[in-house]
Amino acid sequence: MATCPLVIPVLCCEAVYRRPAMRSYRSRIDTMPLTVVLVAIFIVDIAALGVVSPVLGQQLPWLPFTWFLIAASLPVVLALTIVPVRYRLLSNQLEIRSGLSLSWRIQLADIHRVVPVVSLRPAPALSSQRLRVDYQHGKGIRSLQISPHAMDLFLQDLVSQDAGLDLQHGGIVRHGGPILLFDSLAS
């Protein structure tokens, strides 16, 4: 019984210094682009409703109300496919979830580089300040843009998970591992 108090502090100290096996990041959010998209969808829905309602309302009086419900629910359904956006860094892969149905899994060993970009291209990112992740997918190379809230912490954690990745000029480049791009060797 006397050795038990000595063992517990040692185990607790090791747990404090060891990185967790899984780390979760939420997306950075720019409210202005998101608001513009939702307002544009709402305006298009209301305009379509204004055109369709007088014509269809003469024959079927309940149809304009049905169209209104459909038009009002469309932005909600679209928002559920966009929000929430989460990024999880597991021990051997990056998991990206957007909304309730979209997800990507990228093996850390397949990542070639991660560079900061500014873009409004459709992606699982709610901000224009993003990170472009270039990775091997089959025989080709794909890229996916993400926008973790704490980009510097995300990049540091990504490098700490894979020894073949190095921080350079605000981004990450692969310098070793099973997959290596030729332009990574040149830099």
N, C-alpha and C. Protein backbone atom coordinates (compact mmCIF):
# COMPACT_ATOMS: atom_id res chain seq x y z
N MET A 1 0.81 -1.20 0.00
CA MET A 1 0.00 0.00 0.00
C MET A 1 0.85 1.26 0.00
N ALA A 2 2.04 1.21 0.55
CA ALA A 2 2.88 2.40 0.64
C ALA A 2 3.41 2.81 -0.72
N THR A 3 3.55 1.88 -1.68
CA THR A 3 4.09 2.22 -2.99
C THR A 3 3.02 2.82 -3.90
N CYS A 4 1.77 2.64 -3.60
CA CYS A 4 0.70 3.14 -4.46
C CYS A 4 0.74 4.66 -4.63
N PRO A 5 0.91 5.48 -3.58
CA PRO A 5 0.96 6.93 -3.79
C PRO A 5 2.16 7.36 -4.64
N LEU A 6 3.24 6.61 -4.63
CA LEU A 6 4.40 6.98 -5.43
C LEU A 6 4.19 6.68 -6.91
N VAL A 7 3.42 5.63 -7.20
CA VAL A 7 3.19 5.24 -8.59
C VAL A 7 2.19 6.16 -9.27
N ILE A 8 1.17 6.56 -8.58
CA ILE A 8 0.11 7.38 -9.17
C ILE A 8 0.64 8.72 -9.67
N PRO A 9 1.46 9.48 -8.90
CA PRO A 9 1.95 10.74 -9.45
C PRO A 9 2.81 10.56 -10.71
N VAL A 10 3.57 9.49 -10.79
CA VAL A 10 4.39 9.25 -11.97
C VAL A 10 3.50 9.01 -13.18
N LEU A 11 2.44 8.22 -13.03
CA LEU A 11 1.52 7.97 -14.13
C LEU A 11 0.78 9.23 -14.53
N CYS A 12 0.40 10.05 -13.55
CA CYS A 12 -0.29 11.30 -13.86
C CYS A 12 0.63 12.26 -14.61
N CYS A 13 1.89 12.35 -14.23
CA CYS A 13 2.82 13.24 -14.91
C CYS A 13 3.05 12.79 -16.35
N GLU A 14 3.12 11.48 -16.60
CA GLU A 14 3.29 11.00 -17.97
C GLU A 14 2.06 11.34 -18.80
N ALA A 15 0.87 11.26 -18.23
CA ALA A 15 -0.35 11.56 -18.98
C ALA A 15 -0.44 13.04 -19.32
N VAL A 16 0.11 13.91 -18.49
CA VAL A 16 0.07 15.34 -18.76
C VAL A 16 0.95 15.70 -19.96
N TYR A 17 2.12 15.10 -20.08
CA TYR A 17 3.06 15.47 -21.14
C TYR A 17 2.81 14.75 -22.47
N ARG A 18 2.05 13.69 -22.47
CA ARG A 18 1.78 12.95 -23.69
C ARG A 18 0.64 13.62 -24.46
N ARG A 19 0.77 13.75 -25.78
CA ARG A 19 -0.30 14.32 -26.60
C ARG A 19 -1.47 13.36 -26.67
N PRO A 20 -2.70 13.88 -26.71
CA PRO A 20 -3.85 12.99 -26.82
C PRO A 20 -3.85 12.30 -28.18
N ALA A 21 -4.46 11.11 -28.24
CA ALA A 21 -4.51 10.34 -29.48
C ALA A 21 -5.43 11.00 -30.50
N MET A 22 -6.39 11.79 -30.02
CA MET A 22 -7.31 12.45 -30.93
C MET A 22 -7.45 13.91 -30.50
N ARG A 23 -7.42 14.79 -31.47
CA ARG A 23 -7.58 16.20 -31.19
C ARG A 23 -8.65 16.75 -32.12
N SER A 24 -9.57 17.55 -31.61
CA SER A 24 -10.68 18.07 -32.40
C SER A 24 -10.54 19.58 -32.55
N TYR A 25 -10.88 20.07 -33.76
CA TYR A 25 -10.81 21.49 -34.07
C TYR A 25 -12.12 21.91 -34.70
N ARG A 26 -12.61 23.08 -34.34
CA ARG A 26 -13.81 23.60 -34.99
C ARG A 26 -13.37 24.53 -36.10
N SER A 27 -14.29 24.82 -37.01
CA SER A 27 -13.96 25.66 -38.15
C SER A 27 -14.02 27.13 -37.77
N ARG A 28 -13.12 27.90 -38.36
CA ARG A 28 -13.19 29.36 -38.26
C ARG A 28 -14.41 29.78 -39.08
N ILE A 29 -15.15 30.78 -38.63
CA ILE A 29 -16.38 31.18 -39.30
C ILE A 29 -16.31 32.66 -39.67
N ASP A 30 -16.47 32.95 -40.97
CA ASP A 30 -16.67 34.31 -41.45
C ASP A 30 -18.17 34.48 -41.61
N THR A 31 -18.78 35.34 -40.82
CA THR A 31 -20.24 35.45 -40.84
C THR A 31 -20.75 36.14 -42.10
N MET A 32 -20.00 37.05 -42.68
CA MET A 32 -20.50 37.79 -43.84
C MET A 32 -20.74 36.89 -45.06
N PRO A 33 -19.78 36.07 -45.52
CA PRO A 33 -20.08 35.20 -46.67
C PRO A 33 -21.21 34.22 -46.40
N LEU A 34 -21.28 33.70 -45.19
CA LEU A 34 -22.35 32.76 -44.85
C LEU A 34 -23.70 33.45 -44.88
N THR A 35 -23.77 34.66 -44.37
CA THR A 35 -25.01 35.43 -44.37
C THR A 35 -25.43 35.77 -45.80
N VAL A 36 -24.48 36.16 -46.64
CA VAL A 36 -24.79 36.49 -48.03
C VAL A 36 -25.38 35.29 -48.76
N VAL A 37 -24.80 34.11 -48.55
CA VAL A 37 -25.31 32.90 -49.21
C VAL A 37 -26.73 32.59 -48.76
N LEU A 38 -26.98 32.63 -47.46
CA LEU A 38 -28.32 32.31 -46.95
C LEU A 38 -29.36 33.34 -47.39
N VAL A 39 -28.99 34.62 -47.41
CA VAL A 39 -29.93 35.66 -47.86
C VAL A 39 -30.21 35.50 -49.35
N ALA A 40 -29.19 35.17 -50.14
CA ALA A 40 -29.39 34.96 -51.58
C ALA A 40 -30.35 33.79 -51.83
N ILE A 41 -30.19 32.72 -51.10
CA ILE A 41 -31.09 31.57 -51.24
C ILE A 41 -32.52 31.98 -50.87
N PHE A 42 -32.65 32.74 -49.79
CA PHE A 42 -33.97 33.17 -49.34
C PHE A 42 -34.64 34.08 -50.38
N ILE A 43 -33.88 35.01 -50.98
CA ILE A 43 -34.43 35.92 -51.98
C ILE A 43 -34.89 35.15 -53.22
N VAL A 44 -34.08 34.21 -53.68
CA VAL A 44 -34.45 33.39 -54.84
C VAL A 44 -35.71 32.58 -54.53
N ASP A 45 -35.80 32.03 -53.34
CA ASP A 45 -36.98 31.26 -52.95
C ASP A 45 -38.24 32.13 -52.94
N ILE A 46 -38.14 33.31 -52.36
CA ILE A 46 -39.30 34.20 -52.29
C ILE A 46 -39.71 34.67 -53.69
N ALA A 47 -38.74 34.97 -54.56
CA ALA A 47 -39.06 35.37 -55.93
C ALA A 47 -39.76 34.24 -56.69
N ALA A 48 -39.26 33.03 -56.53
CA ALA A 48 -39.89 31.89 -57.18
C ALA A 48 -41.30 31.68 -56.64
N LEU A 49 -41.47 31.88 -55.36
CA LEU A 49 -42.78 31.73 -54.74
C LEU A 49 -43.75 32.79 -55.27
N GLY A 50 -43.25 34.01 -55.46
CA GLY A 50 -44.10 35.09 -56.00
C GLY A 50 -44.54 34.83 -57.42
N VAL A 51 -43.75 34.13 -58.19
CA VAL A 51 -44.11 33.81 -59.58
C VAL A 51 -45.06 32.61 -59.63
N VAL A 52 -44.79 31.61 -58.84
CA VAL A 52 -45.54 30.36 -58.91
C VAL A 52 -46.90 30.45 -58.20
N SER A 53 -46.96 31.17 -57.10
CA SER A 53 -48.18 31.20 -56.28
C SER A 53 -49.43 31.70 -57.00
N PRO A 54 -49.40 32.82 -57.72
CA PRO A 54 -50.63 33.28 -58.36
C PRO A 54 -51.16 32.30 -59.41
N VAL A 55 -50.25 31.65 -60.11
CA VAL A 55 -50.68 30.73 -61.17
C VAL A 55 -51.27 29.46 -60.56
N LEU A 56 -50.56 28.86 -59.61
CA LEU A 56 -51.02 27.59 -59.03
C LEU A 56 -52.13 27.79 -58.00
N GLY A 57 -52.21 28.97 -57.39
CA GLY A 57 -53.21 29.22 -56.36
C GLY A 57 -54.62 29.27 -56.90
N GLN A 58 -54.79 29.53 -58.19
CA GLN A 58 -56.12 29.59 -58.77
C GLN A 58 -56.75 28.20 -58.86
N GLN A 59 -55.95 27.19 -59.15
CA GLN A 59 -56.48 25.84 -59.30
C GLN A 59 -56.49 25.09 -57.97
N LEU A 60 -55.41 25.15 -57.23
CA LEU A 60 -55.29 24.43 -55.96
C LEU A 60 -54.93 25.44 -54.86
N PRO A 61 -55.89 25.83 -54.02
CA PRO A 61 -55.64 26.90 -53.05
C PRO A 61 -54.59 26.54 -51.99
N TRP A 62 -54.34 25.28 -51.70
CA TRP A 62 -53.36 24.88 -50.68
C TRP A 62 -51.94 24.81 -51.22
N LEU A 63 -51.77 24.84 -52.53
CA LEU A 63 -50.45 24.68 -53.13
C LEU A 63 -49.49 25.85 -52.84
N PRO A 64 -49.91 27.10 -52.83
CA PRO A 64 -48.95 28.17 -52.48
C PRO A 64 -48.38 28.02 -51.08
N PHE A 65 -49.20 27.60 -50.13
CA PHE A 65 -48.69 27.40 -48.77
C PHE A 65 -47.67 26.26 -48.74
N THR A 66 -47.91 25.21 -49.49
CA THR A 66 -46.96 24.10 -49.57
C THR A 66 -45.64 24.58 -50.18
N TRP A 67 -45.72 25.37 -51.25
CA TRP A 67 -44.51 25.91 -51.86
C TRP A 67 -43.76 26.82 -50.89
N PHE A 68 -44.51 27.58 -50.08
CA PHE A 68 -43.88 28.45 -49.09
C PHE A 68 -43.11 27.61 -48.07
N LEU A 69 -43.69 26.52 -47.60
CA LEU A 69 -43.00 25.65 -46.64
C LEU A 69 -41.74 25.04 -47.24
N ILE A 70 -41.83 24.64 -48.50
CA ILE A 70 -40.65 24.09 -49.17
C ILE A 70 -39.58 25.16 -49.31
N ALA A 71 -39.98 26.37 -49.73
CA ALA A 71 -39.01 27.46 -49.90
C ALA A 71 -38.39 27.88 -48.58
N ALA A 72 -39.16 27.87 -47.51
CA ALA A 72 -38.63 28.26 -46.20
C ALA A 72 -37.71 27.19 -45.62
N SER A 73 -37.95 25.92 -45.93
CA SER A 73 -37.13 24.85 -45.38
C SER A 73 -35.85 24.61 -46.16
N LEU A 74 -35.76 25.09 -47.40
CA LEU A 74 -34.57 24.87 -48.22
C LEU A 74 -33.30 25.46 -47.59
N PRO A 75 -33.31 26.72 -47.10
CA PRO A 75 -32.09 27.21 -46.44
C PRO A 75 -31.71 26.40 -45.20
N VAL A 76 -32.71 25.90 -44.49
CA VAL A 76 -32.42 25.09 -43.29
C VAL A 76 -31.74 23.79 -43.70
N VAL A 77 -32.26 23.13 -44.72
CA VAL A 77 -31.67 21.88 -45.20
C VAL A 77 -30.24 22.12 -45.71
N LEU A 78 -30.04 23.20 -46.45
CA LEU A 78 -28.70 23.52 -46.94
C LEU A 78 -27.76 23.83 -45.78
N ALA A 79 -28.24 24.52 -44.77
CA ALA A 79 -27.40 24.83 -43.60
C ALA A 79 -27.00 23.55 -42.87
N LEU A 80 -27.88 22.55 -42.83
CA LEU A 80 -27.54 21.29 -42.16
C LEU A 80 -26.48 20.50 -42.92
N THR A 81 -26.32 20.75 -44.21
CA THR A 81 -25.25 20.08 -44.95
C THR A 81 -23.94 20.84 -44.82
N ILE A 82 -24.00 22.08 -44.32
CA ILE A 82 -22.79 22.90 -44.18
C ILE A 82 -22.31 22.95 -42.74
N VAL A 83 -23.20 23.19 -41.80
CA VAL A 83 -22.85 23.43 -40.40
C VAL A 83 -23.25 22.23 -39.57
N PRO A 84 -22.54 21.76 -38.63
CA PRO A 84 -21.23 22.20 -38.16
C PRO A 84 -20.11 21.58 -38.97
N VAL A 85 -18.96 22.24 -38.95
CA VAL A 85 -17.76 21.71 -39.59
C VAL A 85 -16.75 21.43 -38.49
N ARG A 86 -16.26 20.19 -38.46
CA ARG A 86 -15.28 19.76 -37.45
C ARG A 86 -14.14 19.04 -38.13
N TYR A 87 -12.96 19.23 -37.57
CA TYR A 87 -11.77 18.53 -38.04
C TYR A 87 -11.20 17.76 -36.86
N ARG A 88 -10.94 16.47 -37.07
CA ARG A 88 -10.35 15.64 -36.01
C ARG A 88 -9.04 15.09 -36.51
N LEU A 89 -8.02 15.28 -35.71
CA LEU A 89 -6.70 14.75 -36.02
C LEU A 89 -6.50 13.51 -35.17
N LEU A 90 -6.58 12.34 -35.81
CA LEU A 90 -6.40 11.07 -35.14
C LEU A 90 -4.93 10.68 -35.24
N SER A 91 -4.57 9.55 -34.67
CA SER A 91 -3.16 9.15 -34.66
C SER A 91 -2.61 8.91 -36.06
N ASN A 92 -3.45 8.46 -37.01
CA ASN A 92 -2.92 8.17 -38.35
C ASN A 92 -3.75 8.79 -39.47
N GLN A 93 -4.77 9.60 -39.15
CA GLN A 93 -5.58 10.19 -40.21
C GLN A 93 -6.21 11.51 -39.77
N LEU A 94 -6.58 12.29 -40.78
CA LEU A 94 -7.31 13.52 -40.59
C LEU A 94 -8.74 13.26 -41.01
N GLU A 95 -9.67 13.51 -40.10
CA GLU A 95 -11.09 13.29 -40.39
C GLU A 95 -11.77 14.65 -40.46
N ILE A 96 -12.51 14.87 -41.56
CA ILE A 96 -13.20 16.14 -41.78
C ILE A 96 -14.69 15.85 -41.91
N ARG A 97 -15.50 16.52 -41.09
CA ARG A 97 -16.95 16.36 -41.14
C ARG A 97 -17.59 17.70 -41.39
N SER A 98 -18.47 17.74 -42.39
CA SER A 98 -19.20 18.96 -42.73
C SER A 98 -20.68 18.65 -42.69
N GLY A 99 -21.39 19.31 -41.77
CA GLY A 99 -22.81 19.07 -41.64
C GLY A 99 -23.10 17.70 -41.10
N LEU A 100 -24.28 17.21 -41.45
CA LEU A 100 -24.70 15.92 -40.92
C LEU A 100 -24.35 14.75 -41.82
N SER A 101 -23.93 15.03 -43.07
CA SER A 101 -23.77 13.90 -43.99
C SER A 101 -22.43 13.81 -44.71
N LEU A 102 -21.68 14.88 -44.81
CA LEU A 102 -20.45 14.84 -45.59
C LEU A 102 -19.23 14.59 -44.70
N SER A 103 -18.36 13.68 -45.15
CA SER A 103 -17.13 13.43 -44.38
C SER A 103 -16.02 12.96 -45.32
N TRP A 104 -14.80 13.27 -44.91
CA TRP A 104 -13.59 12.86 -45.62
C TRP A 104 -12.63 12.29 -44.60
N ARG A 105 -11.83 11.30 -45.02
CA ARG A 105 -10.77 10.73 -44.19
C ARG A 105 -9.50 10.71 -45.03
N ILE A 106 -8.48 11.38 -44.53
CA ILE A 106 -7.20 11.45 -45.24
C ILE A 106 -6.13 10.85 -44.34
N GLN A 107 -5.45 9.83 -44.83
CA GLN A 107 -4.35 9.24 -44.08
C GLN A 107 -3.23 10.27 -43.98
N LEU A 108 -2.62 10.39 -42.80
CA LEU A 108 -1.54 11.37 -42.62
C LEU A 108 -0.36 11.06 -43.52
N ALA A 109 -0.10 9.78 -43.77
CA ALA A 109 1.01 9.38 -44.64
C ALA A 109 0.77 9.79 -46.09
N ASP A 110 -0.48 10.08 -46.48
CA ASP A 110 -0.80 10.48 -47.85
C ASP A 110 -0.70 11.99 -48.07
N ILE A 111 -0.52 12.76 -47.02
CA ILE A 111 -0.48 14.21 -47.16
C ILE A 111 0.87 14.64 -47.74
N HIS A 112 0.83 15.43 -48.83
CA HIS A 112 2.04 15.95 -49.46
C HIS A 112 2.42 17.30 -48.86
N ARG A 113 1.43 18.20 -48.77
CA ARG A 113 1.70 19.52 -48.22
C ARG A 113 0.39 20.15 -47.74
N VAL A 114 0.54 21.14 -46.87
CA VAL A 114 -0.58 21.93 -46.37
C VAL A 114 -0.12 23.38 -46.45
N VAL A 115 -0.84 24.20 -47.23
CA VAL A 115 -0.44 25.59 -47.42
C VAL A 115 -1.62 26.52 -47.14
N PRO A 116 -1.37 27.70 -46.58
CA PRO A 116 -2.45 28.67 -46.37
C PRO A 116 -2.90 29.29 -47.69
N VAL A 117 -4.21 29.45 -47.86
CA VAL A 117 -4.80 30.07 -49.04
C VAL A 117 -5.96 30.96 -48.60
N VAL A 118 -6.33 31.87 -49.48
CA VAL A 118 -7.54 32.68 -49.29
C VAL A 118 -8.45 32.34 -50.46
N SER A 119 -9.64 31.80 -50.14
CA SER A 119 -10.51 31.32 -51.20
C SER A 119 -11.96 31.28 -50.72
N LEU A 120 -12.88 31.41 -51.65
CA LEU A 120 -14.31 31.23 -51.36
C LEU A 120 -14.85 30.01 -52.11
N ARG A 121 -13.96 29.20 -52.64
CA ARG A 121 -14.34 27.97 -53.34
C ARG A 121 -15.13 27.06 -52.41
N PRO A 122 -16.15 26.36 -52.91
CA PRO A 122 -16.90 25.45 -52.04
C PRO A 122 -15.98 24.38 -51.44
N ALA A 123 -16.04 24.27 -50.13
CA ALA A 123 -15.18 23.34 -49.40
C ALA A 123 -15.73 23.19 -47.99
N PRO A 124 -15.27 22.18 -47.25
CA PRO A 124 -15.70 22.06 -45.85
C PRO A 124 -14.98 23.08 -44.97
N ALA A 125 -15.24 24.36 -45.25
CA ALA A 125 -14.61 25.46 -44.53
C ALA A 125 -15.59 26.62 -44.51
N LEU A 126 -15.72 27.26 -43.38
CA LEU A 126 -16.66 28.37 -43.23
C LEU A 126 -15.96 29.71 -43.17
N SER A 127 -14.74 29.77 -43.67
CA SER A 127 -13.96 31.00 -43.66
C SER A 127 -13.22 31.11 -44.99
N SER A 128 -12.85 32.34 -45.35
CA SER A 128 -12.07 32.53 -46.56
C SER A 128 -10.58 32.29 -46.30
N GLN A 129 -10.16 32.35 -45.03
CA GLN A 129 -8.77 32.03 -44.67
C GLN A 129 -8.69 30.53 -44.41
N ARG A 130 -8.00 29.82 -45.29
CA ARG A 130 -8.04 28.36 -45.26
C ARG A 130 -6.65 27.75 -45.36
N LEU A 131 -6.65 26.45 -45.16
CA LEU A 131 -5.47 25.63 -45.42
C LEU A 131 -5.83 24.65 -46.53
N ARG A 132 -5.00 24.61 -47.58
CA ARG A 132 -5.22 23.64 -48.66
C ARG A 132 -4.38 22.41 -48.36
N VAL A 133 -5.04 21.27 -48.22
CA VAL A 133 -4.37 20.01 -47.93
C VAL A 133 -4.25 19.25 -49.25
N ASP A 134 -3.02 19.06 -49.74
CA ASP A 134 -2.77 18.26 -50.94
C ASP A 134 -2.40 16.86 -50.49
N TYR A 135 -3.11 15.86 -51.02
CA TYR A 135 -2.90 14.49 -50.57
C TYR A 135 -3.05 13.50 -51.71
N GLN A 136 -2.46 12.34 -51.52
CA GLN A 136 -2.51 11.25 -52.50
C GLN A 136 -3.86 10.53 -52.37
N HIS A 137 -4.53 10.36 -53.51
CA HIS A 137 -5.79 9.61 -53.53
C HIS A 137 -5.74 8.67 -54.72
N GLY A 138 -5.48 7.40 -54.45
CA GLY A 138 -5.28 6.46 -55.55
C GLY A 138 -3.98 6.80 -56.27
N LYS A 139 -4.06 6.95 -57.59
CA LYS A 139 -2.87 7.32 -58.36
C LYS A 139 -2.77 8.82 -58.59
N GLY A 140 -3.80 9.56 -58.18
CA GLY A 140 -3.79 11.00 -58.40
C GLY A 140 -3.61 11.78 -57.11
N ILE A 141 -3.50 13.09 -57.29
CA ILE A 141 -3.35 13.99 -56.15
C ILE A 141 -4.60 14.86 -56.07
N ARG A 142 -5.17 14.95 -54.89
CA ARG A 142 -6.35 15.79 -54.66
C ARG A 142 -6.00 16.86 -53.64
N SER A 143 -6.84 17.87 -53.60
CA SER A 143 -6.68 18.88 -52.57
C SER A 143 -8.04 19.18 -51.95
N LEU A 144 -8.01 19.54 -50.69
CA LEU A 144 -9.22 19.86 -49.93
C LEU A 144 -8.89 21.06 -49.06
N GLN A 145 -9.78 22.03 -49.05
CA GLN A 145 -9.53 23.23 -48.25
C GLN A 145 -10.29 23.15 -46.94
N ILE A 146 -9.60 23.46 -45.86
CA ILE A 146 -10.19 23.44 -44.52
C ILE A 146 -9.84 24.76 -43.82
N SER A 147 -10.58 25.08 -42.77
CA SER A 147 -10.32 26.33 -42.04
C SER A 147 -10.41 26.12 -40.54
N PRO A 148 -9.44 25.42 -39.95
CA PRO A 148 -9.47 25.26 -38.49
C PRO A 148 -9.30 26.61 -37.79
N HIS A 149 -9.98 26.76 -36.68
CA HIS A 149 -9.96 28.04 -35.95
C HIS A 149 -8.55 28.40 -35.51
N ALA A 150 -7.83 27.48 -34.95
CA ALA A 150 -6.44 27.71 -34.51
C ALA A 150 -5.51 27.05 -35.53
N MET A 151 -5.23 27.76 -36.61
CA MET A 151 -4.44 27.18 -37.71
C MET A 151 -3.02 26.81 -37.29
N ASP A 152 -2.36 27.67 -36.53
CA ASP A 152 -0.98 27.39 -36.11
C ASP A 152 -0.92 26.15 -35.23
N LEU A 153 -1.84 26.02 -34.30
CA LEU A 153 -1.89 24.84 -33.43
C LEU A 153 -2.19 23.59 -34.25
N PHE A 154 -3.11 23.70 -35.21
CA PHE A 154 -3.44 22.57 -36.07
C PHE A 154 -2.20 22.11 -36.84
N LEU A 155 -1.46 23.05 -37.42
CA LEU A 155 -0.26 22.70 -38.19
C LEU A 155 0.80 22.05 -37.29
N GLN A 156 1.00 22.59 -36.09
CA GLN A 156 1.97 22.01 -35.16
C GLN A 156 1.57 20.60 -34.76
N ASP A 157 0.28 20.39 -34.49
CA ASP A 157 -0.18 19.05 -34.11
C ASP A 157 -0.06 18.07 -35.27
N LEU A 158 -0.30 18.54 -36.49
CA LEU A 158 -0.16 17.68 -37.66
C LEU A 158 1.28 17.24 -37.84
N VAL A 159 2.22 18.16 -37.67
CA VAL A 159 3.66 17.83 -37.79
C VAL A 159 4.07 16.87 -36.68
N SER A 160 3.52 17.06 -35.47
CA SER A 160 3.89 16.18 -34.36
C SER A 160 3.34 14.76 -34.54
N GLN A 161 2.29 14.60 -35.33
CA GLN A 161 1.70 13.27 -35.57
C GLN A 161 2.46 12.48 -36.64
N ASP A 162 3.10 13.18 -37.60
CA ASP A 162 3.79 12.50 -38.70
C ASP A 162 5.20 13.05 -38.83
N ALA A 163 6.20 12.21 -38.61
CA ALA A 163 7.60 12.64 -38.62
C ALA A 163 8.08 13.07 -40.01
N GLY A 164 7.39 12.67 -41.07
CA GLY A 164 7.79 13.05 -42.43
C GLY A 164 7.36 14.45 -42.83
N LEU A 165 6.57 15.11 -42.02
CA LEU A 165 6.09 16.46 -42.32
C LEU A 165 6.91 17.50 -41.56
N ASP A 166 7.22 18.62 -42.23
CA ASP A 166 7.98 19.71 -41.61
C ASP A 166 7.27 21.03 -41.84
N LEU A 167 7.34 21.91 -40.85
CA LEU A 167 6.82 23.28 -40.99
C LEU A 167 7.77 24.11 -41.83
N GLN A 168 7.23 24.82 -42.85
CA GLN A 168 8.04 25.71 -43.67
C GLN A 168 7.19 26.85 -44.17
N HIS A 169 7.60 28.09 -43.91
CA HIS A 169 6.96 29.28 -44.44
C HIS A 169 5.46 29.32 -44.18
N GLY A 170 5.03 28.98 -42.98
CA GLY A 170 3.63 29.04 -42.62
C GLY A 170 2.80 27.86 -43.08
N GLY A 171 3.42 26.87 -43.70
CA GLY A 171 2.72 25.68 -44.17
C GLY A 171 3.50 24.43 -43.81
N ILE A 172 3.07 23.32 -44.38
CA ILE A 172 3.72 22.02 -44.11
C ILE A 172 4.10 21.40 -45.43
N VAL A 173 5.30 20.80 -45.47
CA VAL A 173 5.79 20.09 -46.64
C VAL A 173 6.29 18.73 -46.19
N ARG A 174 6.03 17.69 -47.00
CA ARG A 174 6.53 16.36 -46.69
C ARG A 174 7.97 16.24 -47.16
N HIS A 175 8.82 15.80 -46.24
CA HIS A 175 10.24 15.58 -46.57
C HIS A 175 10.65 14.14 -46.41
N GLY A 176 9.74 13.27 -46.02
CA GLY A 176 10.08 11.87 -45.88
C GLY A 176 8.82 11.05 -45.73
N GLY A 177 8.95 9.77 -45.97
CA GLY A 177 7.81 8.87 -45.85
C GLY A 177 7.62 8.11 -47.15
N PRO A 178 6.57 7.30 -47.21
CA PRO A 178 6.36 6.47 -48.39
C PRO A 178 5.97 7.26 -49.64
N ILE A 179 5.36 8.44 -49.49
CA ILE A 179 4.95 9.25 -50.63
C ILE A 179 5.66 10.59 -50.55
N LEU A 180 6.35 10.94 -51.64
CA LEU A 180 7.11 12.18 -51.64
C LEU A 180 7.02 12.80 -53.02
N LEU A 181 6.55 14.03 -53.11
CA LEU A 181 6.47 14.72 -54.39
C LEU A 181 7.85 15.25 -54.79
N PHE A 182 8.11 15.32 -56.09
CA PHE A 182 9.39 15.83 -56.56
C PHE A 182 9.58 17.30 -56.21
N ASP A 183 8.50 18.10 -56.28
CA ASP A 183 8.67 19.52 -55.95
C ASP A 183 8.88 19.71 -54.45
N SER A 184 8.52 18.75 -53.62
CA SER A 184 8.84 18.81 -52.19
C SER A 184 10.34 18.64 -51.98
N LEU A 185 10.99 17.85 -52.83
CA LEU A 185 12.43 17.66 -52.74
C LEU A 185 13.18 18.93 -53.12
N ALA A 186 12.61 19.68 -54.08
CA ALA A 186 13.27 20.89 -54.57
C ALA A 186 13.21 22.02 -53.55
N SER A 187 12.19 22.05 -52.71
CA SER A 187 12.06 23.17 -51.76
C SER A 187 12.86 22.96 -50.50
